[in-house]
Amino acid sequence: MTELAEKSANGLLEGEDRKALQNEMDELCSEIDRMATTANFNGKKLLNGDLGSNGKSSYF
């Protein structure tokens, strides 16, 4: 993602190329969101914020 942002910001690309980079960035963000909502272990969601700072589930 950093590489895409740098390519887009370097000033060498025209509109269509920058749109293509933005589309790729949007796809990557969507995939990260999908993984965050579906990642689980033993039926427990891993990336939804339910774990406390001590690493234990807040509902145990």
N, C-alpha and C. Protein backbone atom coordinates (compact mmCIF):
# COMPACT_ATOMS: atom_id res chain seq x y z
N MET A 1 0.82 -1.18 0.00
CA MET A 1 0.00 0.00 0.00
C MET A 1 0.88 1.26 0.00
N THR A 2 1.97 1.19 0.74
CA THR A 2 2.89 2.32 0.76
C THR A 2 3.47 2.57 -0.62
N GLU A 3 3.81 1.49 -1.29
CA GLU A 3 4.37 1.61 -2.63
C GLU A 3 3.37 2.24 -3.59
N LEU A 4 2.11 1.84 -3.48
CA LEU A 4 1.07 2.43 -4.34
C LEU A 4 0.90 3.92 -4.05
N ALA A 5 0.94 4.28 -2.78
CA ALA A 5 0.79 5.69 -2.42
C ALA A 5 1.96 6.51 -2.95
N GLU A 6 3.16 5.96 -2.87
CA GLU A 6 4.34 6.67 -3.37
C GLU A 6 4.27 6.83 -4.89
N LYS A 7 3.87 5.78 -5.59
CA LYS A 7 3.74 5.87 -7.04
C LYS A 7 2.72 6.92 -7.44
N SER A 8 1.63 6.98 -6.70
CA SER A 8 0.57 7.94 -7.02
C SER A 8 1.00 9.37 -6.74
N ALA A 9 1.81 9.55 -5.71
CA ALA A 9 2.19 10.90 -5.29
C ALA A 9 3.44 11.44 -5.98
N ASN A 10 4.11 10.64 -6.79
CA ASN A 10 5.38 11.09 -7.35
C ASN A 10 5.24 12.13 -8.47
N GLY A 11 4.03 12.35 -8.96
CA GLY A 11 3.80 13.38 -9.96
C GLY A 11 4.06 12.95 -11.39
N LEU A 12 4.44 11.69 -11.61
CA LEU A 12 4.74 11.22 -12.95
C LEU A 12 3.55 10.57 -13.65
N LEU A 13 2.53 10.23 -12.91
CA LEU A 13 1.40 9.50 -13.48
C LEU A 13 0.27 10.44 -13.90
N GLU A 14 -0.40 10.05 -14.96
CA GLU A 14 -1.56 10.79 -15.45
C GLU A 14 -2.83 10.26 -14.77
N GLY A 15 -3.94 10.87 -15.10
CA GLY A 15 -5.22 10.57 -14.45
C GLY A 15 -5.63 9.12 -14.48
N GLU A 16 -5.55 8.47 -15.64
CA GLU A 16 -5.99 7.08 -15.75
C GLU A 16 -5.11 6.15 -14.91
N ASP A 17 -3.81 6.41 -14.92
CA ASP A 17 -2.90 5.59 -14.12
C ASP A 17 -3.17 5.77 -12.63
N ARG A 18 -3.44 6.99 -12.24
CA ARG A 18 -3.74 7.25 -10.82
C ARG A 18 -5.07 6.61 -10.43
N LYS A 19 -6.04 6.61 -11.33
CA LYS A 19 -7.32 5.94 -11.06
C LYS A 19 -7.11 4.44 -10.87
N ALA A 20 -6.24 3.86 -11.71
CA ALA A 20 -5.95 2.43 -11.59
C ALA A 20 -5.29 2.12 -10.25
N LEU A 21 -4.36 2.97 -9.82
CA LEU A 21 -3.74 2.79 -8.51
C LEU A 21 -4.76 2.92 -7.38
N GLN A 22 -5.67 3.88 -7.53
CA GLN A 22 -6.70 4.06 -6.50
C GLN A 22 -7.62 2.85 -6.44
N ASN A 23 -7.95 2.29 -7.60
CA ASN A 23 -8.78 1.08 -7.62
C ASN A 23 -8.08 -0.08 -6.93
N GLU A 24 -6.77 -0.21 -7.17
CA GLU A 24 -6.02 -1.26 -6.50
C GLU A 24 -5.98 -1.04 -4.99
N MET A 25 -5.81 0.21 -4.57
CA MET A 25 -5.80 0.54 -3.15
C MET A 25 -7.17 0.22 -2.52
N ASP A 26 -8.24 0.55 -3.22
CA ASP A 26 -9.58 0.26 -2.72
C ASP A 26 -9.79 -1.25 -2.56
N GLU A 27 -9.29 -2.03 -3.52
CA GLU A 27 -9.41 -3.49 -3.43
C GLU A 27 -8.62 -4.03 -2.24
N LEU A 28 -7.43 -3.50 -2.02
CA LEU A 28 -6.63 -3.94 -0.87
C LEU A 28 -7.32 -3.60 0.44
N CYS A 29 -7.88 -2.41 0.53
CA CYS A 29 -8.60 -2.02 1.76
C CYS A 29 -9.81 -2.91 1.99
N SER A 30 -10.52 -3.25 0.93
CA SER A 30 -11.68 -4.14 1.05
C SER A 30 -11.24 -5.52 1.54
N GLU A 31 -10.12 -6.01 1.04
CA GLU A 31 -9.63 -7.32 1.46
C GLU A 31 -9.20 -7.29 2.93
N ILE A 32 -8.57 -6.24 3.37
CA ILE A 32 -8.20 -6.10 4.78
C ILE A 32 -9.44 -6.08 5.66
N ASP A 33 -10.45 -5.34 5.25
CA ASP A 33 -11.71 -5.30 6.00
C ASP A 33 -12.36 -6.67 6.06
N ARG A 34 -12.33 -7.40 4.93
CA ARG A 34 -12.92 -8.74 4.89
C ARG A 34 -12.19 -9.68 5.86
N MET A 35 -10.87 -9.63 5.84
CA MET A 35 -10.10 -10.49 6.75
C MET A 35 -10.37 -10.13 8.20
N ALA A 36 -10.50 -8.85 8.49
CA ALA A 36 -10.74 -8.41 9.87
C ALA A 36 -12.09 -8.90 10.38
N THR A 37 -13.07 -8.96 9.51
CA THR A 37 -14.40 -9.39 9.96
C THR A 37 -14.56 -10.90 9.99
N THR A 38 -13.72 -11.64 9.28
CA THR A 38 -13.89 -13.09 9.23
C THR A 38 -12.85 -13.87 10.02
N ALA A 39 -11.76 -13.24 10.45
CA ALA A 39 -10.71 -13.97 11.18
C ALA A 39 -11.24 -14.44 12.53
N ASN A 40 -11.12 -15.75 12.77
CA ASN A 40 -11.56 -16.29 14.06
C ASN A 40 -10.70 -17.49 14.44
N PHE A 41 -10.72 -17.79 15.70
CA PHE A 41 -10.03 -18.96 16.23
C PHE A 41 -10.97 -19.61 17.23
N ASN A 42 -11.27 -20.86 16.99
CA ASN A 42 -12.21 -21.58 17.86
C ASN A 42 -13.55 -20.86 17.97
N GLY A 43 -13.97 -20.24 16.90
CA GLY A 43 -15.25 -19.55 16.90
C GLY A 43 -15.22 -18.15 17.50
N LYS A 44 -14.07 -17.71 17.96
CA LYS A 44 -13.96 -16.37 18.56
C LYS A 44 -13.34 -15.42 17.54
N LYS A 45 -13.98 -14.28 17.35
CA LYS A 45 -13.47 -13.27 16.44
C LYS A 45 -12.15 -12.73 16.97
N LEU A 46 -11.16 -12.60 16.11
CA LEU A 46 -9.83 -12.17 16.54
C LEU A 46 -9.62 -10.67 16.41
N LEU A 47 -10.24 -10.04 15.44
CA LEU A 47 -9.91 -8.66 15.13
C LEU A 47 -11.09 -7.70 15.29
N ASN A 48 -11.98 -7.99 16.25
CA ASN A 48 -13.14 -7.11 16.42
C ASN A 48 -13.05 -6.24 17.67
N GLY A 49 -11.93 -6.29 18.39
CA GLY A 49 -11.75 -5.42 19.54
C GLY A 49 -12.27 -5.98 20.85
N ASP A 50 -12.71 -7.23 20.88
CA ASP A 50 -13.24 -7.80 22.11
C ASP A 50 -12.16 -8.19 23.11
N LEU A 51 -10.93 -8.33 22.68
CA LEU A 51 -9.88 -8.71 23.62
C LEU A 51 -9.41 -7.50 24.39
N GLY A 52 -9.21 -7.66 25.68
CA GLY A 52 -8.72 -6.59 26.52
C GLY A 52 -7.22 -6.38 26.35
N SER A 53 -6.67 -5.41 27.04
CA SER A 53 -5.25 -5.11 26.92
C SER A 53 -4.37 -6.23 27.47
N ASN A 54 -4.93 -7.08 28.33
CA ASN A 54 -4.16 -8.19 28.88
C ASN A 54 -4.20 -9.42 27.98
N GLY A 55 -4.86 -9.33 26.83
CA GLY A 55 -4.93 -10.43 25.90
C GLY A 55 -6.00 -11.45 26.21
N LYS A 56 -6.77 -11.22 27.26
CA LYS A 56 -7.84 -12.14 27.61
C LYS A 56 -9.17 -11.55 27.13
N SER A 57 -10.07 -12.44 26.85
CA SER A 57 -11.39 -12.00 26.39
C SER A 57 -12.11 -11.28 27.52
N SER A 58 -12.80 -10.20 27.19
CA SER A 58 -13.44 -9.40 28.21
C SER A 58 -14.70 -10.04 28.78
N TYR A 59 -15.20 -11.12 28.18
CA TYR A 59 -16.41 -11.73 28.69
C TYR A 59 -16.14 -13.04 29.42
N PHE A 60 -14.89 -13.31 29.80
CA PHE A 60 -14.57 -14.47 30.61
C PHE A 60 -14.20 -14.04 31.99
